[in-house]
Structures are given as structure tokens and as C-alpha cells.
Amino acid sequence: MPTAVREALEDAGLMEAYQLRPPYQRNDYLGWIGQAKRDATRHQRLAQMLAELADGTVYMKMAWRPRRSVRGPKGQP
């Protein structure tokens, strides 16, 4: 993870929200931010990621709901 992204997540208190996202989303965000050619675009994409993580129901401008486990601790219903 790039240092700037890590620092932004930590400063915003969103590292846990980021880590709770599925691996494909974490990879998509990092790749999307990293592919930006201009600094302004990179900052804009980082801001979008932070806003979506803070909201908790959005992924790449699409509605998203985290999966809820159907089992309790240690597999108990």
C-alpha cells in the first residue's frame, strides 16, 4: 500500500473500514488510485475512496452492502 494512501486512511480513522472490505475492493481502490497520471486525479480518487469508506454503503459509486455472517461465534447459529 502506498504511504500516502496509508496515511490518509489513518488520518481519517478509516483503516479498519478499509481492512473490512473484501480483497477485490481493496485491490481495485489501490490500482485505481495508482493508475492516475495527474496528482490532482490521484487526490480526487483518494478522496472518493475515503468518502465511500466513511459512508460504508458505497463502492466505486455503486451501492454496496457488507456481507453479514449467518453464523454466530464458532459456527453457532
Protein backbone atom coordinates (compact mmCIF):
# COMPACT_ATOMS: atom_id res chain seq x y z
CA MET A 1 0.00 0.00 0.00
CA PRO A 2 1.42 3.41 -0.94
CA THR A 3 2.42 5.55 2.03
CA ALA A 4 0.09 8.40 1.02
CA VAL A 5 -2.91 6.07 1.00
CA ARG A 6 -1.96 4.51 4.33
CA GLU A 7 -1.52 7.94 5.92
CA ALA A 8 -4.83 9.19 4.52
CA LEU A 9 -6.67 6.14 5.88
CA GLU A 10 -5.04 6.50 9.29
CA ASP A 11 -5.62 10.27 9.45
CA ALA A 12 -9.29 9.78 8.59
CA GLY A 13 -9.65 6.89 11.04
CA LEU A 14 -10.76 4.60 8.21
CA MET A 15 -8.08 1.90 8.21
CA GLU A 16 -10.41 -0.61 9.86
CA ALA A 17 -13.20 0.18 7.38
CA TYR A 18 -10.71 -0.38 4.56
CA GLN A 19 -9.47 -3.67 6.01
CA LEU A 20 -13.04 -4.94 6.43
CA ARG A 21 -13.70 -4.55 2.70
CA PRO A 22 -13.25 -7.65 0.52
CA PRO A 23 -9.79 -8.09 -1.02
CA TYR A 24 -11.06 -7.33 -4.54
CA GLN A 25 -12.31 -3.92 -3.39
CA ARG A 26 -9.06 -3.07 -1.60
CA ASN A 27 -7.09 -4.05 -4.70
CA ASP A 28 -9.42 -2.13 -7.01
CA TYR A 29 -9.09 1.04 -4.94
CA LEU A 30 -5.28 0.85 -4.79
CA GLY A 31 -4.95 0.10 -8.50
CA TRP A 32 -7.41 2.80 -9.48
CA ILE A 33 -5.66 5.43 -7.37
CA GLY A 34 -2.21 4.30 -8.52
CA GLN A 35 -3.10 4.44 -12.22
CA ALA A 36 -3.94 8.14 -12.10
CA LYS A 37 -1.47 10.12 -14.20
CA ARG A 38 -2.06 13.50 -12.59
CA ASP A 39 -1.65 14.32 -8.91
CA ALA A 40 -5.00 16.10 -8.94
CA THR A 41 -6.71 12.96 -10.22
CA ARG A 42 -4.92 10.80 -7.66
CA HIS A 43 -6.07 13.10 -4.84
CA GLN A 44 -9.62 13.14 -6.18
CA ARG A 45 -9.73 9.34 -6.31
CA LEU A 46 -8.27 9.05 -2.82
CA ALA A 47 -10.92 11.46 -1.53
CA GLN A 48 -13.65 9.39 -3.22
CA MET A 49 -12.33 6.20 -1.61
CA LEU A 50 -12.27 7.83 1.82
CA ALA A 51 -15.81 9.17 1.40
CA GLU A 52 -17.09 5.76 0.30
CA LEU A 53 -15.40 4.02 3.22
CA ALA A 54 -16.82 6.58 5.64
CA ASP A 55 -20.31 6.07 4.17
CA GLY A 56 -19.95 2.28 4.34
CA THR A 57 -22.60 1.54 1.72
CA VAL A 58 -20.84 2.60 -1.47
CA TYR A 59 -18.12 1.03 -3.62
CA MET A 60 -16.93 2.83 -6.76
CA LYS A 61 -20.12 4.92 -6.82
CA MET A 62 -22.30 1.79 -6.64
CA ALA A 63 -24.49 0.64 -3.79
CA TRP A 64 -22.74 -1.97 -1.65
CA ARG A 65 -23.68 -3.86 1.49
CA PRO A 66 -21.22 -5.82 3.56
CA ARG A 67 -21.96 -9.48 3.97
CA ARG A 68 -23.38 -10.44 7.29
CA SER A 69 -22.36 -13.71 8.78
CA VAL A 70 -25.29 -16.09 9.20
CA ARG A 71 -23.45 -17.96 11.94
CA GLY A 72 -22.52 -16.83 15.39
CA PRO A 73 -19.19 -17.38 17.13
CA LYS A 74 -17.52 -20.72 16.39
CA GLY A 75 -20.15 -21.68 13.85
CA GLN A 76 -23.12 -21.48 16.23
CA PRO A 77 -26.39 -20.38 14.62
